[in-house]
Amino acid sequence: MKEIRVLSESERTWAMFCHLSAFACFIFPFGNILGPLICWLSRRDDSTWVNENGKASLNFQLSLLLYTLLLIPLCFILVGIPLLIALWILNIVCVTIASIKASRGEEFRYPLAIPFIQ
């Protein structure tokens, strides 16, 4: 059975924003990194829940940036294009699921995330 934490409305909301702010990449370049970074840095000392979710979101976005940079050369031989598309679909799906779970107080582990920030 999944553990559901008893958290304040504010904690759950800010944790959700840490994940949703990754969609800022559709507004400005590197918004997927800057959005979670700003949310996490502004509230990490207020709540361990926000701190955990902010780090998870930021680690996932940094991992996706690394994977994207590694796949770009493969686009010249056409292998990288479908992989990049799959990677960004994974991003949208995982961020959406993580946001919903964070707002409910449930833990979510991003797949393929490298723990850059401990």
N, C-alpha and C. Protein backbone atom coordinates (compact mmCIF):
# COMPACT_ATOMS: atom_id res chain seq x y z
N MET A 1 0.84 -1.18 0.00
CA MET A 1 0.00 0.00 0.00
C MET A 1 0.89 1.25 0.00
N LYS A 2 0.49 2.23 -0.77
CA LYS A 2 1.27 3.46 -0.88
C LYS A 2 1.06 4.33 0.35
N GLU A 3 2.16 4.95 0.75
CA GLU A 3 2.11 5.84 1.90
C GLU A 3 1.64 7.22 1.45
N ILE A 4 0.61 7.73 2.10
CA ILE A 4 0.13 9.08 1.83
C ILE A 4 0.47 9.93 3.05
N ARG A 5 1.23 11.00 2.83
CA ARG A 5 1.65 11.86 3.93
C ARG A 5 0.56 12.86 4.27
N VAL A 6 0.54 13.25 5.53
CA VAL A 6 -0.36 14.31 5.96
C VAL A 6 0.41 15.62 5.81
N LEU A 7 -0.01 16.40 4.84
CA LEU A 7 0.70 17.63 4.50
C LEU A 7 -0.29 18.78 4.43
N SER A 8 0.24 19.98 4.60
CA SER A 8 -0.62 21.16 4.48
C SER A 8 -0.94 21.40 3.01
N GLU A 9 -1.97 22.18 2.80
CA GLU A 9 -2.37 22.54 1.43
C GLU A 9 -1.23 23.28 0.72
N SER A 10 -0.56 24.13 1.44
CA SER A 10 0.54 24.91 0.87
C SER A 10 1.69 24.00 0.44
N GLU A 11 2.03 23.02 1.25
CA GLU A 11 3.11 22.09 0.90
C GLU A 11 2.78 21.31 -0.36
N ARG A 12 1.56 20.81 -0.42
CA ARG A 12 1.16 20.04 -1.60
C ARG A 12 1.11 20.92 -2.85
N THR A 13 0.66 22.15 -2.70
CA THR A 13 0.58 23.07 -3.84
C THR A 13 1.97 23.42 -4.36
N TRP A 14 2.89 23.75 -3.46
CA TRP A 14 4.24 24.11 -3.90
C TRP A 14 4.98 22.91 -4.48
N ALA A 15 4.75 21.73 -3.96
CA ALA A 15 5.36 20.53 -4.53
C ALA A 15 4.83 20.30 -5.95
N MET A 16 3.54 20.52 -6.13
CA MET A 16 2.95 20.39 -7.45
C MET A 16 3.54 21.42 -8.41
N PHE A 17 3.72 22.66 -7.95
CA PHE A 17 4.31 23.70 -8.79
C PHE A 17 5.75 23.37 -9.18
N CYS A 18 6.47 22.70 -8.30
CA CYS A 18 7.85 22.30 -8.63
C CYS A 18 7.87 21.42 -9.88
N HIS A 19 6.85 20.57 -10.01
CA HIS A 19 6.77 19.70 -11.18
C HIS A 19 6.19 20.44 -12.39
N LEU A 20 5.08 21.14 -12.18
CA LEU A 20 4.40 21.82 -13.28
C LEU A 20 5.25 22.92 -13.91
N SER A 21 6.12 23.51 -13.14
CA SER A 21 6.94 24.60 -13.67
C SER A 21 7.89 24.13 -14.77
N ALA A 22 8.06 22.82 -14.90
CA ALA A 22 8.89 22.28 -15.99
C ALA A 22 8.27 22.57 -17.35
N PHE A 23 6.97 22.82 -17.38
CA PHE A 23 6.31 23.15 -18.64
C PHE A 23 6.64 24.57 -19.11
N ALA A 24 7.41 25.29 -18.34
CA ALA A 24 7.85 26.62 -18.75
C ALA A 24 8.75 26.54 -19.99
N CYS A 25 9.22 25.35 -20.32
CA CYS A 25 10.05 25.20 -21.53
C CYS A 25 9.25 25.53 -22.79
N PHE A 26 7.93 25.50 -22.70
CA PHE A 26 7.10 25.85 -23.85
C PHE A 26 6.95 27.36 -24.00
N ILE A 27 7.42 28.10 -22.98
CA ILE A 27 7.32 29.56 -23.00
C ILE A 27 8.66 30.21 -23.31
N PHE A 28 9.73 29.73 -22.67
CA PHE A 28 11.06 30.28 -22.91
C PHE A 28 12.11 29.18 -22.80
N PRO A 29 13.25 29.37 -23.48
CA PRO A 29 14.30 28.34 -23.47
C PRO A 29 14.81 28.04 -22.05
N PHE A 30 15.07 26.80 -21.80
CA PHE A 30 15.55 26.29 -20.52
C PHE A 30 14.57 26.57 -19.37
N GLY A 31 13.33 26.82 -19.70
CA GLY A 31 12.30 27.00 -18.68
C GLY A 31 12.06 25.73 -17.89
N ASN A 32 12.32 24.58 -18.52
CA ASN A 32 12.14 23.32 -17.81
C ASN A 32 13.18 23.13 -16.70
N ILE A 33 14.29 23.86 -16.78
CA ILE A 33 15.30 23.82 -15.72
C ILE A 33 15.07 24.98 -14.74
N LEU A 34 14.84 26.16 -15.28
CA LEU A 34 14.69 27.35 -14.44
C LEU A 34 13.43 27.32 -13.59
N GLY A 35 12.32 26.83 -14.13
CA GLY A 35 11.07 26.77 -13.38
C GLY A 35 11.19 25.95 -12.11
N PRO A 36 11.55 24.67 -12.22
CA PRO A 36 11.72 23.86 -11.01
C PRO A 36 12.81 24.40 -10.08
N LEU A 37 13.87 24.95 -10.64
CA LEU A 37 14.95 25.49 -9.83
C LEU A 37 14.46 26.66 -8.97
N ILE A 38 13.72 27.56 -9.57
CA ILE A 38 13.20 28.71 -8.82
C ILE A 38 12.21 28.27 -7.75
N CYS A 39 11.28 27.38 -8.10
CA CYS A 39 10.31 26.88 -7.11
C CYS A 39 11.02 26.18 -5.96
N TRP A 40 11.97 25.33 -6.31
CA TRP A 40 12.69 24.57 -5.28
C TRP A 40 13.50 25.48 -4.37
N LEU A 41 14.26 26.40 -4.96
CA LEU A 41 15.10 27.29 -4.15
C LEU A 41 14.27 28.22 -3.25
N SER A 42 13.10 28.61 -3.72
CA SER A 42 12.29 29.53 -2.93
C SER A 42 11.59 28.87 -1.75
N ARG A 43 11.36 27.55 -1.80
CA ARG A 43 10.58 26.89 -0.74
C ARG A 43 11.24 25.66 -0.12
N ARG A 44 12.48 25.37 -0.47
CA ARG A 44 13.10 24.13 0.01
C ARG A 44 13.30 24.11 1.52
N ASP A 45 13.48 25.26 2.15
CA ASP A 45 13.70 25.31 3.60
C ASP A 45 12.40 25.29 4.38
N ASP A 46 11.27 25.51 3.71
CA ASP A 46 9.97 25.55 4.38
C ASP A 46 9.38 24.17 4.63
N SER A 47 9.73 23.21 3.78
CA SER A 47 9.09 21.89 3.87
C SER A 47 9.99 20.82 3.27
N THR A 48 10.10 19.70 3.95
CA THR A 48 10.87 18.59 3.39
C THR A 48 10.16 18.00 2.16
N TRP A 49 8.83 18.06 2.15
CA TRP A 49 8.06 17.55 1.02
C TRP A 49 8.35 18.35 -0.24
N VAL A 50 8.37 19.68 -0.12
CA VAL A 50 8.67 20.54 -1.26
C VAL A 50 10.13 20.34 -1.67
N ASN A 51 11.01 20.19 -0.70
CA ASN A 51 12.43 19.95 -0.98
C ASN A 51 12.62 18.66 -1.78
N GLU A 52 11.99 17.58 -1.36
CA GLU A 52 12.11 16.30 -2.06
C GLU A 52 11.56 16.38 -3.49
N ASN A 53 10.39 16.98 -3.63
CA ASN A 53 9.77 17.06 -4.95
C ASN A 53 10.51 18.02 -5.87
N GLY A 54 11.02 19.11 -5.32
CA GLY A 54 11.81 20.04 -6.12
C GLY A 54 13.08 19.40 -6.65
N LYS A 55 13.78 18.66 -5.79
CA LYS A 55 14.99 17.97 -6.23
C LYS A 55 14.68 16.91 -7.27
N ALA A 56 13.59 16.18 -7.06
CA ALA A 56 13.21 15.13 -8.02
C ALA A 56 12.90 15.74 -9.39
N SER A 57 12.15 16.82 -9.38
CA SER A 57 11.79 17.48 -10.64
C SER A 57 13.03 18.03 -11.34
N LEU A 58 13.87 18.68 -10.59
CA LEU A 58 15.09 19.26 -11.17
C LEU A 58 16.03 18.17 -11.69
N ASN A 59 16.20 17.10 -10.95
CA ASN A 59 17.04 15.99 -11.40
C ASN A 59 16.52 15.38 -12.70
N PHE A 60 15.21 15.23 -12.79
CA PHE A 60 14.62 14.65 -14.01
C PHE A 60 14.84 15.57 -15.20
N GLN A 61 14.64 16.87 -15.01
CA GLN A 61 14.81 17.81 -16.11
C GLN A 61 16.27 17.92 -16.54
N LEU A 62 17.19 17.86 -15.58
CA LEU A 62 18.61 17.87 -15.92
C LEU A 62 18.99 16.58 -16.67
N SER A 63 18.41 15.47 -16.25
CA SER A 63 18.66 14.20 -16.94
C SER A 63 18.15 14.26 -18.38
N LEU A 64 16.95 14.81 -18.56
CA LEU A 64 16.41 14.93 -19.91
C LEU A 64 17.26 15.85 -20.78
N LEU A 65 17.80 16.90 -20.20
CA LEU A 65 18.69 17.78 -20.95
C LEU A 65 19.92 17.02 -21.41
N LEU A 66 20.50 16.23 -20.53
CA LEU A 66 21.66 15.42 -20.88
C LEU A 66 21.32 14.42 -21.99
N TYR A 67 20.19 13.72 -21.84
CA TYR A 67 19.79 12.75 -22.85
C TYR A 67 19.53 13.43 -24.20
N THR A 68 18.94 14.61 -24.17
CA THR A 68 18.68 15.36 -25.40
C THR A 68 19.99 15.72 -26.09
N LEU A 69 20.95 16.20 -25.32
CA LEU A 69 22.25 16.55 -25.89
C LEU A 69 22.96 15.34 -26.49
N LEU A 70 22.78 14.19 -25.86
CA LEU A 70 23.38 12.96 -26.39
C LEU A 70 22.68 12.46 -27.64
N LEU A 71 21.38 12.75 -27.77
CA LEU A 71 20.62 12.27 -28.92
C LEU A 71 20.73 13.18 -30.15
N ILE A 72 21.09 14.42 -29.95
CA ILE A 72 21.16 15.36 -31.08
C ILE A 72 22.07 14.85 -32.20
N PRO A 73 23.28 14.36 -31.92
CA PRO A 73 24.10 13.84 -33.02
C PRO A 73 23.46 12.67 -33.76
N LEU A 74 22.64 11.90 -33.06
CA LEU A 74 21.97 10.76 -33.71
C LEU A 74 20.87 11.20 -34.68
N CYS A 75 20.45 12.46 -34.57
CA CYS A 75 19.43 12.96 -35.50
C CYS A 75 19.96 13.02 -36.93
N PHE A 76 21.26 13.12 -37.10
CA PHE A 76 21.84 13.17 -38.44
C PHE A 76 21.73 11.84 -39.18
N ILE A 77 21.58 10.76 -38.42
CA ILE A 77 21.37 9.46 -39.06
C ILE A 77 19.93 9.00 -38.86
N LEU A 78 19.07 9.93 -38.48
CA LEU A 78 17.63 9.75 -38.35
C LEU A 78 17.18 8.86 -37.19
N VAL A 79 18.09 8.25 -36.48
CA VAL A 79 17.73 7.41 -35.34
C VAL A 79 17.30 8.29 -34.16
N GLY A 80 17.91 9.44 -34.03
CA GLY A 80 17.67 10.30 -32.89
C GLY A 80 16.31 10.97 -32.88
N ILE A 81 15.73 11.18 -34.07
CA ILE A 81 14.46 11.90 -34.14
C ILE A 81 13.33 11.18 -33.40
N PRO A 82 13.07 9.90 -33.67
CA PRO A 82 12.01 9.24 -32.91
C PRO A 82 12.35 9.10 -31.42
N LEU A 83 13.64 8.97 -31.11
CA LEU A 83 14.03 8.88 -29.71
C LEU A 83 13.80 10.20 -28.98
N LEU A 84 14.07 11.31 -29.64
CA LEU A 84 13.80 12.62 -29.04
C LEU A 84 12.31 12.84 -28.83
N ILE A 85 11.51 12.43 -29.80
CA ILE A 85 10.06 12.54 -29.67
C ILE A 85 9.57 11.71 -28.50
N ALA A 86 10.07 10.48 -28.39
CA ALA A 86 9.68 9.61 -27.27
C ALA A 86 10.12 10.21 -25.94
N LEU A 87 11.30 10.82 -25.91
CA LEU A 87 11.81 11.43 -24.69
C LEU A 87 10.93 12.58 -24.22
N TRP A 88 10.48 13.40 -25.15
CA TRP A 88 9.64 14.53 -24.78
C TRP A 88 8.21 14.11 -24.44
N ILE A 89 7.73 13.04 -25.04
CA ILE A 89 6.43 12.49 -24.63
C ILE A 89 6.54 11.96 -23.20
N LEU A 90 7.65 11.27 -22.92
CA LEU A 90 7.90 10.78 -21.56
C LEU A 90 7.93 11.95 -20.57
N ASN A 91 8.54 13.05 -20.96
CA ASN A 91 8.61 14.23 -20.11
C ASN A 91 7.21 14.74 -19.77
N ILE A 92 6.38 14.91 -20.78
CA ILE A 92 5.03 15.44 -20.55
C ILE A 92 4.22 14.50 -19.66
N VAL A 93 4.29 13.21 -19.93
CA VAL A 93 3.52 12.23 -19.15
C VAL A 93 4.01 12.18 -17.70
N CYS A 94 5.31 12.10 -17.52
CA CYS A 94 5.86 11.99 -16.16
C CYS A 94 5.63 13.25 -15.33
N VAL A 95 5.79 14.41 -15.94
CA VAL A 95 5.56 15.66 -15.20
C VAL A 95 4.10 15.76 -14.79
N THR A 96 3.20 15.36 -15.67
CA THR A 96 1.77 15.40 -15.34
C THR A 96 1.45 14.45 -14.20
N ILE A 97 1.95 13.23 -14.26
CA ILE A 97 1.70 12.26 -13.20
C ILE A 97 2.32 12.72 -11.89
N ALA A 98 3.55 13.21 -11.94
CA ALA A 98 4.23 13.67 -10.72
C ALA A 98 3.49 14.84 -10.09
N SER A 99 2.95 15.74 -10.90
CA SER A 99 2.20 16.88 -10.38
C SER A 99 0.95 16.43 -9.65
N ILE A 100 0.24 15.50 -10.25
CA ILE A 100 -1.00 15.00 -9.64
C ILE A 100 -0.67 14.28 -8.32
N LYS A 101 0.34 13.44 -8.34
CA LYS A 101 0.70 12.70 -7.12
C LYS A 101 1.20 13.64 -6.03
N ALA A 102 1.98 14.65 -6.38
CA ALA A 102 2.47 15.60 -5.38
C ALA A 102 1.32 16.37 -4.75
N SER A 103 0.31 16.71 -5.55
CA SER A 103 -0.83 17.44 -5.01
C SER A 103 -1.67 16.57 -4.08
N ARG A 104 -1.56 15.27 -4.22
CA ARG A 104 -2.28 14.33 -3.34
C ARG A 104 -1.45 13.91 -2.14
N GLY A 105 -0.17 14.27 -2.15
CA GLY A 105 0.72 13.87 -1.05
C GLY A 105 1.33 12.50 -1.26
N GLU A 106 1.30 12.00 -2.49
CA GLU A 106 1.87 10.69 -2.81
C GLU A 106 3.25 10.87 -3.44
N GLU A 107 4.12 9.91 -3.19
CA GLU A 107 5.47 9.96 -3.74
C GLU A 107 5.49 9.44 -5.17
N PHE A 108 6.33 10.05 -6.00
CA PHE A 108 6.51 9.60 -7.39
C PHE A 108 7.99 9.59 -7.71
N ARG A 109 8.46 8.51 -8.29
CA ARG A 109 9.85 8.38 -8.72
C ARG A 109 9.89 8.50 -10.24
N TYR A 110 10.64 9.48 -10.71
CA TYR A 110 10.80 9.67 -12.15
C TYR A 110 11.67 8.54 -12.72
N PRO A 111 11.26 7.97 -13.87
CA PRO A 111 12.13 6.98 -14.51
C PRO A 111 13.28 7.69 -15.22
N LEU A 112 14.40 7.05 -15.33
CA LEU A 112 15.57 7.55 -16.03
C LEU A 112 16.22 8.79 -15.40
N ALA A 113 15.81 9.14 -14.19
CA ALA A 113 16.36 10.34 -13.54
C ALA A 113 17.71 10.01 -12.90
N ILE A 114 18.68 10.85 -13.18
CA ILE A 114 20.00 10.73 -12.58
C ILE A 114 20.01 11.64 -11.35
N PRO A 115 20.40 11.14 -10.19
CA PRO A 115 20.37 11.99 -8.98
C PRO A 115 21.54 12.96 -8.90
N PHE A 116 21.49 14.03 -9.70
CA PHE A 116 22.54 15.04 -9.67
C PHE A 116 22.53 15.77 -8.33
N ILE A 117 21.35 16.11 -7.85
CA ILE A 117 21.19 16.83 -6.58
C ILE A 117 20.69 15.85 -5.55
N GLN A 118 21.46 15.69 -4.49
CA GLN A 118 21.10 14.72 -3.45
C GLN A 118 20.24 15.36 -2.42
